[in-house]
Amino acid sequence: MPKIRCGRHLSLVNLCLNRPAQFNALSEELLATLKEELALIAADPSVRCVVLSAAGKAFCAGHDLRQMRANPRLDYYRQLFARCTEVMQTIIALPIRVIARVHGLATAAGCQLVASCDLAVASDEARFAVSGINVGLFCSIPAVALSRNVPTKRAFEMLVTARFIDSAIHESCQS
């Protein structure tokens, strides 16, 4: 099964994360495939917009914790986080707009993925969190993208409490 399904209609490309059984967790393979697809898009002048969506019940549960637990080495984590950062920076640097179409959960690096896009369109059921702290990780890299999109105090609250926020716009979240 492909890690990403790619569809195209005229100048719009849809990249669909396709690991629904794993809540579209960012495995090494998914990150590599996403980076490859983004490079192809960047080289295609006919593409005007990218929609990033996901199959299954969740948008993206963040890093694949099963893979991380299977490789408990500092050098592995550094390489994984560097690869993830490259993908996020590629999204940010694309000369076209990237829209996240979010449903279900977007947690940790999944929340970072949403925050790295130019726009997020979220369903009523969408929920966001940076919950790495619940498994002994502090989401310092997702914190950067998050703090660019969410008021500082709200971003800090999300980082240290791992509480979910929903897709509704609340007065406390407005800048």
Protein backbone atom coordinates (compact mmCIF):
# COMPACT_ATOMS: atom_id res chain seq x y z
CA MET A 1 0.00 0.00 0.00
CA PRO A 2 1.47 3.40 -0.94
CA LYS A 3 2.32 5.65 2.02
CA ILE A 4 0.88 8.62 0.13
CA ARG A 5 -1.86 8.67 -2.46
CA CYS A 6 -1.42 11.43 -4.97
CA GLY A 7 -4.22 12.85 -7.05
CA ARG A 8 -4.41 15.74 -9.44
CA HIS A 9 -7.15 17.89 -10.90
CA LEU A 10 -5.94 20.62 -13.25
CA SER A 11 -3.44 22.68 -11.23
CA LEU A 12 -4.42 21.24 -7.83
CA VAL A 13 -2.51 18.32 -6.31
CA ASN A 14 -3.91 16.31 -3.42
CA LEU A 15 -1.38 14.47 -1.28
CA CYS A 16 -3.19 12.03 0.99
CA LEU A 17 -1.32 10.47 3.89
CA ASN A 18 -2.16 6.79 3.60
CA ARG A 19 -1.35 4.91 6.80
CA PRO A 20 -4.84 4.86 8.30
CA ALA A 21 -4.24 1.86 10.59
CA GLN A 22 -1.35 3.80 12.19
CA PHE A 23 -3.31 7.07 12.30
CA ASN A 24 -1.00 8.35 9.53
CA ALA A 25 1.98 8.46 11.89
CA LEU A 26 5.09 9.92 10.29
CA SER A 27 7.26 6.88 9.73
CA GLU A 28 10.67 7.16 8.08
CA GLU A 29 9.13 5.87 4.86
CA LEU A 30 6.21 8.29 4.94
CA LEU A 31 8.54 11.24 5.53
CA ALA A 32 10.79 10.14 2.64
CA THR A 33 7.82 9.71 0.30
CA LEU A 34 6.33 13.05 1.31
CA LYS A 35 9.64 14.79 0.67
CA GLU A 36 9.90 13.15 -2.77
CA GLU A 37 6.36 14.18 -3.71
CA LEU A 38 6.98 17.75 -2.55
CA ALA A 39 10.15 17.92 -4.65
CA LEU A 40 8.20 16.79 -7.72
CA ILE A 41 5.54 19.41 -7.02
CA ALA A 42 8.14 22.16 -6.55
CA ALA A 43 9.61 21.31 -9.97
CA ASP A 44 6.23 21.42 -11.74
CA PRO A 45 5.30 24.99 -12.74
CA SER A 46 1.75 23.93 -13.62
CA VAL A 47 0.88 23.17 -9.96
CA ARG A 48 -0.82 26.09 -8.25
CA CYS A 49 -2.03 24.54 -5.00
CA VAL A 50 -1.48 21.46 -2.82
CA VAL A 51 -4.07 20.00 -0.49
CA LEU A 52 -2.61 17.76 2.18
CA SER A 53 -5.21 15.32 3.47
CA ALA A 54 -5.26 11.95 5.18
CA ALA A 55 -7.02 8.60 4.95
CA GLY A 56 -8.77 7.04 7.91
CA LYS A 57 -9.89 8.40 11.28
CA ALA A 58 -6.98 10.77 11.96
CA PHE A 59 -5.04 13.40 10.07
CA CYS A 60 -1.66 12.56 11.64
CA ALA A 61 -0.67 11.18 15.04
CA GLY A 62 2.87 12.59 14.85
CA HIS A 63 5.98 10.45 14.71
CA ASP A 64 5.68 6.68 14.52
CA LEU A 65 6.37 5.81 18.16
CA ARG A 66 6.70 2.11 17.36
CA GLN A 67 9.60 2.89 15.03
CA MET A 68 11.12 5.25 17.57
CA ARG A 69 10.95 2.67 20.36
CA ALA A 70 12.57 0.08 18.07
CA ASN A 71 15.56 2.42 17.55
CA PRO A 72 16.39 3.91 20.98
CA ARG A 73 19.58 5.65 19.88
CA LEU A 74 20.35 9.36 20.02
CA ASP A 75 21.80 9.38 16.48
CA TYR A 76 18.59 7.76 15.15
CA TYR A 77 16.41 10.39 16.85
CA ARG A 78 18.58 13.21 15.54
CA GLN A 79 18.35 11.86 11.99
CA LEU A 80 14.60 11.31 12.26
CA PHE A 81 13.92 14.80 13.61
CA ALA A 82 16.24 16.32 10.99
CA ARG A 83 14.35 14.48 8.24
CA CYS A 84 11.04 15.70 9.66
CA THR A 85 12.35 19.26 9.83
CA GLU A 86 13.44 19.03 6.18
CA VAL A 87 9.93 18.00 5.16
CA MET A 88 8.35 20.84 7.15
CA GLN A 89 10.82 23.37 5.71
CA THR A 90 10.11 22.05 2.22
CA ILE A 91 6.40 22.74 2.74
CA ILE A 92 7.14 26.24 4.02
CA ALA A 93 9.50 26.99 1.12
CA LEU A 94 7.18 25.77 -1.64
CA PRO A 95 6.39 28.62 -4.04
CA ILE A 96 2.72 27.56 -4.02
CA ARG A 97 0.10 27.40 -1.30
CA VAL A 98 -0.29 24.26 0.79
CA ILE A 99 -3.63 23.68 2.51
CA ALA A 100 -4.03 21.11 5.27
CA ARG A 101 -7.43 19.42 5.18
CA VAL A 102 -7.67 18.20 8.77
CA HIS A 103 -10.05 15.72 10.34
CA GLY A 104 -9.71 13.71 13.51
CA LEU A 105 -6.48 14.05 15.45
CA ALA A 106 -3.40 16.08 14.58
CA THR A 107 -0.90 15.51 17.37
CA ALA A 108 2.78 16.33 17.99
CA ALA A 109 4.58 16.33 14.62
CA GLY A 110 1.14 15.99 13.01
CA CYS A 111 0.19 19.29 14.59
CA GLN A 112 3.51 20.66 13.32
CA LEU A 113 2.60 19.44 9.84
CA VAL A 114 -0.65 21.41 9.97
CA ALA A 115 1.12 24.49 11.32
CA SER A 116 3.71 24.31 8.53
CA CYS A 117 1.02 24.60 5.87
CA ASP A 118 -0.19 27.99 4.64
CA LEU A 119 -3.77 27.32 5.67
CA ALA A 120 -5.64 24.68 7.65
CA VAL A 121 -9.24 23.78 6.95
CA ALA A 122 -10.45 21.65 9.82
CA SER A 123 -13.59 19.58 10.24
CA ASP A 124 -15.74 20.04 13.31
CA GLU A 125 -14.24 16.83 14.72
CA ALA A 126 -10.61 17.95 14.33
CA ARG A 127 -8.55 18.09 17.51
CA PHE A 128 -5.00 19.33 17.93
CA ALA A 129 -2.36 18.65 20.58
CA VAL A 130 1.38 18.53 21.11
CA SER A 131 1.29 15.56 23.40
CA GLY A 132 4.87 14.30 23.28
CA ILE A 133 5.19 15.18 26.95
CA ASN A 134 2.85 12.26 27.68
CA VAL A 135 5.52 9.82 26.45
CA GLY A 136 8.53 11.63 27.90
CA LEU A 137 9.29 13.89 24.92
CA PHE A 138 9.03 17.65 24.75
CA CYS A 139 7.81 18.77 21.33
CA SER A 140 10.44 21.48 20.90
CA ILE A 141 10.55 21.26 17.09
CA PRO A 142 6.75 21.36 16.65
CA ALA A 143 6.75 24.27 19.12
CA VAL A 144 8.38 26.50 16.51
CA ALA A 145 5.68 26.03 13.87
CA LEU A 146 2.96 26.05 16.51
CA SER A 147 4.11 29.35 18.04
CA ARG A 148 4.05 30.96 14.58
CA ASN A 149 0.37 30.11 14.23
CA VAL A 150 -1.09 30.14 17.74
CA PRO A 151 -0.72 32.91 20.33
CA THR A 152 2.32 32.34 22.51
CA LYS A 153 0.50 31.61 25.76
CA ARG A 154 -1.87 29.15 24.08
CA ALA A 155 1.07 27.40 22.36
CA PHE A 156 2.94 27.14 25.66
CA GLU A 157 -0.16 25.75 27.37
CA MET A 158 -0.50 23.11 24.64
CA LEU A 159 3.18 22.18 24.95
CA VAL A 160 3.29 21.72 28.70
CA THR A 161 -0.17 20.26 29.35
CA ALA A 162 -0.70 18.11 26.22
CA ARG A 163 -4.35 19.20 26.33
CA PHE A 164 -6.29 19.04 23.10
CA ILE A 165 -7.89 22.02 21.45
CA ASP A 166 -10.68 21.61 18.96
CA SER A 167 -11.18 23.22 15.58
CA ALA A 168 -13.55 25.94 16.77
CA ILE A 169 -12.08 29.41 16.90
CA HIS A 170 -12.26 30.67 20.45
CA GLU A 171 -11.73 34.26 21.52
CA SER A 172 -8.79 33.13 23.67
CA CYS A 173 -7.04 31.81 20.53
CA GLN A 174 -7.40 34.93 18.45
CA SER A 175 -4.40 37.20 18.12
